[in-house]
C-alpha atoms as a PDB file:
ATOM      1  CA  MET A   1     -93.176 -16.360 -28.125  1.00  0.00           C
ATOM      2  CA  THR A   2     -91.370 -13.291 -29.343  1.00  0.00           C
ATOM      3  CA  THR A   3     -91.271 -12.409 -33.020  1.00  0.00           C
ATOM      4  CA  PRO A   4     -88.079 -13.646 -34.688  1.00  0.00           C
ATOM      5  CA  SER A   5     -85.704 -11.011 -35.961  1.00  0.00           C
ATOM      6  CA  GLU A   6     -84.950 -10.825 -39.668  1.00  0.00           C
ATOM      7  CA  SER A   7     -81.748 -12.878 -39.205  1.00  0.00           C
ATOM      8  CA  GLN A   8     -83.292 -15.517 -36.904  1.00  0.00           C
ATOM      9  CA  LEU A   9     -84.466 -18.707 -38.590  1.00  0.00           C
ATOM     10  CA  THR A  10     -88.028 -19.874 -38.010  1.00  0.00           C
ATOM     11  CA  ALA A  11     -89.085 -23.462 -37.325  1.00  0.00           C
ATOM     12  CA  GLU A  12     -90.686 -23.598 -40.773  1.00  0.00           C
ATOM     13  CA  GLN A  13     -87.435 -22.493 -42.425  1.00  0.00           C
ATOM     14  CA  LEU A  14     -85.489 -25.185 -40.542  1.00  0.00           C
ATOM     15  CA  VAL A  15     -88.025 -27.895 -41.411  1.00  0.00           C
ATOM     16  CA  LYS A  16     -87.701 -26.966 -45.085  1.00  0.00           C
ATOM     17  CA  ALA A  17     -83.918 -26.412 -45.145  1.00  0.00           C
ATOM     18  CA  LEU A  18     -83.150 -29.645 -43.276  1.00  0.00           C
ATOM     19  CA  ASN A  19     -85.784 -31.682 -45.151  1.00  0.00           C
ATOM     20  CA  LEU A  20     -87.546 -32.698 -41.934  1.00  0.00           C
ATOM     21  CA  GLU A  21     -90.822 -34.601 -41.766  1.00  0.00           C
ATOM     22  CA  GLY A  22     -93.298 -35.338 -38.996  1.00  0.00           C
ATOM     23  CA  HIS A  23     -92.283 -37.967 -36.462  1.00  0.00           C
ATOM     24  CA  VAL A  24     -94.644 -40.521 -34.915  1.00  0.00           C
ATOM     25  CA  GLU A  25     -93.720 -39.418 -31.347  1.00  0.00           C
ATOM     26  CA  GLY A  26     -94.208 -35.702 -32.197  1.00  0.00           C
ATOM     27  CA  GLY A  27     -91.891 -33.089 -33.634  1.00  0.00           C
ATOM     28  CA  PHE A  28     -89.974 -33.382 -36.908  1.00  0.00           C
ATOM     29  CA  TYR A  29     -86.943 -35.427 -37.938  1.00  0.00           C
ATOM     30  CA  ARG A  30     -84.692 -36.707 -40.709  1.00  0.00           C
ATOM     31  CA  ARG A  31     -82.201 -39.543 -40.630  1.00  0.00           C
ATOM     32  CA  THR A  32     -78.822 -38.080 -41.505  1.00  0.00           C
ATOM     33  CA  PHE A  33     -76.542 -41.109 -41.229  1.00  0.00           C
ATOM     34  CA  SER A  34     -76.608 -44.892 -41.111  1.00  0.00           C
ATOM     35  CA  ALA A  35     -73.398 -46.909 -40.693  1.00  0.00           C
ATOM     36  CA  ASP A  36     -74.424 -49.266 -43.485  1.00  0.00           C
ATOM     37  CA  HIS A  37     -70.862 -49.265 -44.812  1.00  0.00           C
ATOM     38  CA  ARG A  38     -69.792 -51.456 -41.854  1.00  0.00           C
ATOM     39  CA  ALA A  39     -70.679 -54.955 -40.738  1.00  0.00           C
ATOM     40  CA  THR A  40     -73.941 -55.142 -38.788  1.00  0.00           C
ATOM     41  CA  ILE A  41     -74.192 -56.300 -35.181  1.00  0.00           C
ATOM     42  CA  PRO A  42     -76.645 -58.811 -33.694  1.00  0.00           C
ATOM     43  CA  THR A  43     -79.345 -57.586 -31.283  1.00  0.00           C
ATOM     44  CA  ASP A  44     -82.326 -59.271 -29.634  1.00  0.00           C
ATOM     45  CA  ASN A  45     -84.470 -57.959 -32.504  1.00  0.00           C
ATOM     46  CA  GLY A  46     -82.130 -58.845 -35.373  1.00  0.00           C
ATOM     47  CA  GLU A  47     -79.122 -57.375 -37.135  1.00  0.00           C
ATOM     48  CA  ARG A  48     -78.547 -53.610 -36.783  1.00  0.00           C
ATOM     49  CA  VAL A  49     -76.052 -51.103 -38.133  1.00  0.00           C
ATOM     50  CA  THR A  50     -73.575 -49.981 -35.479  1.00  0.00           C
ATOM     51  CA  MET A  51     -74.895 -46.395 -35.422  1.00  0.00           C
ATOM     52  CA  SER A  52     -77.409 -44.054 -36.988  1.00  0.00           C
ATOM     53  CA  SER A  53     -78.178 -40.380 -36.468  1.00  0.00           C
ATOM     54  CA  ILE A  54     -81.009 -37.896 -36.942  1.00  0.00           C
ATOM     55  CA  TYR A  55     -81.960 -34.266 -36.650  1.00  0.00           C
ATOM     56  CA  TYR A  56     -84.938 -33.821 -34.309  1.00  0.00           C
ATOM     57  CA  LEU A  57     -86.919 -30.596 -33.951  1.00  0.00           C
ATOM     58  CA  LEU A  58     -89.721 -29.640 -31.584  1.00  0.00           C
ATOM     59  CA  SER A  59     -91.662 -26.506 -32.534  1.00  0.00           C
ATOM     60  CA  ALA A  60     -94.624 -24.428 -31.397  1.00  0.00           C
ATOM     61  CA  GLN A  61     -96.583 -26.443 -33.994  1.00  0.00           C
ATOM     62  CA  SER A  62     -95.479 -29.736 -32.411  1.00  0.00           C
ATOM     63  CA  PRO A  63     -93.999 -28.896 -28.966  1.00  0.00           C
ATOM     64  CA  ILE A  64     -94.037 -32.363 -27.349  1.00  0.00           C
ATOM     65  CA  GLY A  65     -92.043 -35.508 -28.020  1.00  0.00           C
ATOM     66  CA  HIS A  66     -94.432 -38.003 -26.394  1.00  0.00           C
ATOM     67  CA  PHE A  67     -93.233 -40.794 -24.114  1.00  0.00           C
ATOM     68  CA  HIS A  68     -91.503 -43.593 -25.960  1.00  0.00           C
ATOM     69  CA  MET A  69     -88.783 -46.141 -25.254  1.00  0.00           C
ATOM     70  CA  ASN A  70     -85.912 -47.262 -27.467  1.00  0.00           C
ATOM     71  CA  GLN A  71     -83.828 -50.398 -27.063  1.00  0.00           C
ATOM     72  CA  SER A  72     -80.656 -48.616 -28.186  1.00  0.00           C
ATOM     73  CA  ASP A  73     -78.603 -46.035 -26.310  1.00  0.00           C
ATOM     74  CA  ILE A  74     -79.086 -42.497 -27.655  1.00  0.00           C
ATOM     75  CA  MET A  75     -76.688 -39.574 -27.349  1.00  0.00           C
ATOM     76  CA  HIS A  76     -78.445 -36.213 -27.761  1.00  0.00           C
ATOM     77  CA  PHE A  77     -76.665 -33.030 -28.910  1.00  0.00           C
ATOM     78  CA  PHE A  78     -78.228 -29.567 -28.627  1.00  0.00           C
ATOM     79  CA  HIS A  79     -77.883 -27.507 -31.824  1.00  0.00           C
ATOM     80  CA  LYS A  80     -80.108 -24.434 -31.855  1.00  0.00           C
ATOM     81  CA  GLY A  81     -83.177 -22.678 -30.489  1.00  0.00           C
ATOM     82  CA  ASP A  82     -85.010 -22.846 -27.185  1.00  0.00           C
ATOM     83  CA  PRO A  83     -84.072 -25.256 -24.386  1.00  0.00           C
ATOM     84  CA  ILE A  84     -85.753 -28.663 -24.516  1.00  0.00           C
ATOM     85  CA  THR A  85     -86.755 -30.327 -21.253  1.00  0.00           C
ATOM     86  CA  TYR A  86     -86.408 -34.121 -21.211  1.00  0.00           C
ATOM     87  CA  TYR A  87     -88.201 -36.402 -18.774  1.00  0.00           C
ATOM     88  CA  MET A  88     -86.796 -39.921 -18.356  1.00  0.00           C
ATOM     89  CA  LEU A  89     -88.650 -42.615 -16.442  1.00  0.00           C
ATOM     90  CA  ASN A  90     -86.087 -45.208 -15.423  1.00  0.00           C
ATOM     91  CA  PRO A  91     -86.970 -48.904 -15.023  1.00  0.00           C
ATOM     92  CA  ASP A  92     -86.832 -48.488 -11.209  1.00  0.00           C
ATOM     93  CA  GLY A  93     -89.551 -45.780 -11.399  1.00  0.00           C
ATOM     94  CA  SER A  94     -87.286 -42.827 -10.696  1.00  0.00           C
ATOM     95  CA  LEU A  95     -87.652 -39.644 -12.748  1.00  0.00           C
ATOM     96  CA  GLN A  96     -84.686 -37.817 -14.241  1.00  0.00           C
ATOM     97  CA  THR A  97     -85.183 -34.361 -15.760  1.00  0.00           C
ATOM     98  CA  THR A  98     -82.547 -32.781 -18.003  1.00  0.00           C
ATOM     99  CA  ILE A  99     -82.668 -29.543 -19.961  1.00  0.00           C
ATOM    100  CA  LEU A 100     -80.775 -29.520 -23.247  1.00  0.00           C
ATOM    101  CA  GLY A 101     -80.052 -25.961 -24.207  1.00  0.00           C
ATOM    102  CA  PRO A 102     -77.597 -23.301 -25.279  1.00  0.00           C
ATOM    103  CA  ASP A 103     -76.576 -21.896 -21.890  1.00  0.00           C
ATOM    104  CA  PRO A 104     -74.619 -24.078 -19.449  1.00  0.00           C
ATOM    105  CA  THR A 105     -74.544 -21.149 -16.981  1.00  0.00           C
ATOM    106  CA  LYS A 106     -78.316 -21.689 -16.601  1.00  0.00           C
ATOM    107  CA  GLY A 107     -77.932 -25.407 -15.925  1.00  0.00           C
ATOM    108  CA  HIS A 108     -78.497 -26.457 -19.533  1.00  0.00           C
ATOM    109  CA  GLN A 109     -76.713 -29.542 -20.802  1.00  0.00           C
ATOM    110  CA  MET A 110     -75.422 -29.464 -24.358  1.00  0.00           C
ATOM    111  CA  GLN A 111     -75.382 -33.239 -24.654  1.00  0.00           C
ATOM    112  CA  MET A 112     -77.099 -36.080 -22.836  1.00  0.00           C
ATOM    113  CA  MET A 113     -77.104 -39.888 -22.924  1.00  0.00           C
ATOM    114  CA  VAL A 114     -80.336 -41.869 -22.574  1.00  0.00           C
ATOM    115  CA  LYS A 115     -79.752 -45.590 -22.082  1.00  0.00           C
ATOM    116  CA  GLY A 116     -81.881 -48.109 -23.923  1.00  0.00           C
ATOM    117  CA  GLY A 117     -84.901 -49.282 -21.901  1.00  0.00           C
ATOM    118  CA  THR A 118     -85.657 -45.792 -20.530  1.00  0.00           C
ATOM    119  CA  TRP A 119     -89.020 -44.110 -21.192  1.00  0.00           C
ATOM    120  CA  LYS A 120     -88.362 -40.606 -22.553  1.00  0.00           C
ATOM    121  CA  ALA A 121     -90.492 -37.539 -23.376  1.00  0.00           C
ATOM    122  CA  SER A 122     -89.553 -33.954 -24.218  1.00  0.00           C
ATOM    123  CA  LYS A 123     -91.074 -30.518 -24.641  1.00  0.00           C
ATOM    124  CA  ILE A 124     -90.141 -26.952 -25.456  1.00  0.00           C
ATOM    125  CA  PRO A 125     -91.422 -23.912 -23.544  1.00  0.00           C
ATOM    126  CA  SER A 126     -94.586 -22.272 -24.901  1.00  0.00           C
ATOM    127  CA  ASN A 127     -93.033 -18.807 -24.508  1.00  0.00           C
ATOM    128  CA  GLY A 128     -89.597 -19.505 -26.000  1.00  0.00           C
ATOM    129  CA  GLN A 129     -87.608 -16.891 -27.896  1.00  0.00           C
ATOM    130  CA  TYR A 130     -87.340 -19.035 -31.043  1.00  0.00           C
ATOM    131  CA  GLY A 131     -90.431 -21.240 -31.031  1.00  0.00           C
ATOM    132  CA  TYR A 132     -88.341 -24.360 -31.623  1.00  0.00           C
ATOM    133  CA  GLY A 133     -85.513 -26.499 -30.301  1.00  0.00           C
ATOM    134  CA  LEU A 134     -83.215 -28.473 -32.619  1.00  0.00           C
ATOM    135  CA  ILE A 135     -81.041 -31.399 -31.544  1.00  0.00           C
ATOM    136  CA  GLY A 136     -79.101 -34.226 -33.129  1.00  0.00           C
ATOM    137  CA  GLU A 137     -79.202 -37.818 -31.930  1.00  0.00           C
ATOM    138  CA  ALA A 138     -76.644 -40.590 -32.389  1.00  0.00           C
ATOM    139  CA  VAL A 139     -78.204 -44.031 -31.838  1.00  0.00           C
ATOM    140  CA  SER A 140     -76.213 -47.197 -31.145  1.00  0.00           C
ATOM    141  CA  PRO A 141     -76.989 -49.839 -32.229  1.00  0.00           C
ATOM    142  CA  GLY A 142     -78.604 -48.006 -35.129  1.00  0.00           C
ATOM    143  CA  PHE A 143     -82.279 -47.082 -34.939  1.00  0.00           C
ATOM    144  CA  ASP A 144     -84.973 -49.413 -36.224  1.00  0.00           C
ATOM    145  CA  TYR A 145     -88.689 -48.774 -35.630  1.00  0.00           C
ATOM    146  CA  SER A 146     -89.127 -52.327 -34.324  1.00  0.00           C
ATOM    147  CA  ASP A 147     -86.837 -51.316 -31.413  1.00  0.00           C
ATOM    148  CA  MET A 148     -89.079 -48.377 -30.390  1.00  0.00           C
ATOM    149  CA  GLN A 149     -92.236 -48.504 -28.328  1.00  0.00           C
ATOM    150  CA  LEU A 150     -94.687 -45.607 -27.983  1.00  0.00           C
ATOM    151  CA  GLY A 151     -95.915 -45.128 -24.433  1.00  0.00           C
ATOM    152  CA  SER A 152     -99.679 -45.336 -24.063  1.00  0.00           C
ATOM    153  CA  LYS A 153    -101.142 -43.527 -21.053  1.00  0.00           C
ATOM    154  CA  GLU A 154    -102.712 -46.753 -19.812  1.00  0.00           C
ATOM    155  CA  LYS A 155     -99.452 -48.717 -19.867  1.00  0.00           C
ATOM    156  CA  LEU A 156     -97.325 -45.927 -18.376  1.00  0.00           C
ATOM    157  CA  LEU A 157     -99.841 -45.207 -15.601  1.00  0.00           C
ATOM    158  CA  THR A 158     -99.757 -48.892 -14.671  1.00  0.00           C
ATOM    159  CA  LEU A 159     -95.927 -48.924 -14.625  1.00  0.00           C
ATOM    160  CA  PHE A 160     -95.398 -45.510 -12.997  1.00  0.00           C
ATOM    161  CA  PRO A 161     -98.516 -44.404 -11.052  1.00  0.00           C
ATOM    162  CA  GLN A 162     -96.364 -41.983  -9.029  1.00  0.00           C
ATOM    163  CA  HIS A 163     -95.889 -39.879 -12.215  1.00  0.00           C
ATOM    164  CA  THR A 164     -99.582 -39.551 -13.191  1.00  0.00           C
ATOM    165  CA  THR A 165     -99.536 -35.797 -13.906  1.00  0.00           C
ATOM    166  CA  LEU A 166     -96.458 -35.996 -16.130  1.00  0.00           C
ATOM    167  CA  ILE A 167     -97.713 -39.079 -17.990  1.00  0.00           C
ATOM    168  CA  ASN A 168    -101.094 -37.451 -18.638  1.00  0.00           C
ATOM    169  CA  GLU A 169     -99.340 -34.366 -20.051  1.00  0.00           C
ATOM    170  CA  LEU A 170     -96.720 -36.106 -22.202  1.00  0.00           C
ATOM    171  CA  SER A 171     -98.342 -39.275 -23.564  1.00  0.00           C
ATOM    172  CA  ARG A 172    -101.209 -40.046 -25.891  1.00  0.00           C
END
């Protein structure tokens, strides 16, 4: 990692300025919106707001968002920092890799949709220019912890033995 210039924000400054806290899957987050001003919608797990959103930051201190699965669809928006590589294990066992980042000329996406029921993990490069990657997520129906499942190595290796190396690297 290169040393940030005087005008470049650090991960610690962003965590403080955005009021982020540690997330159970890794990284840091803060809920920024919940559509609690609208009627809720029914889901298999109960009533949910129509949408919620968060900031999510991976840093050199916490560079991996470990495998987890949400029931809701999640739209991801790149904001700032180093590119973040996402690994999605689809229900059919196929792997999709997407890099969210600032430079579309390098193949980076600036937004990405992950459908509910997809196992997802993410990481930032260990030698990045900034030492962090910051995104926003819009979740619909709105996020509720009872709709999220953390991916244990044992369970994921049983479901996706063809992705052993990746699962060992990005799950607990």
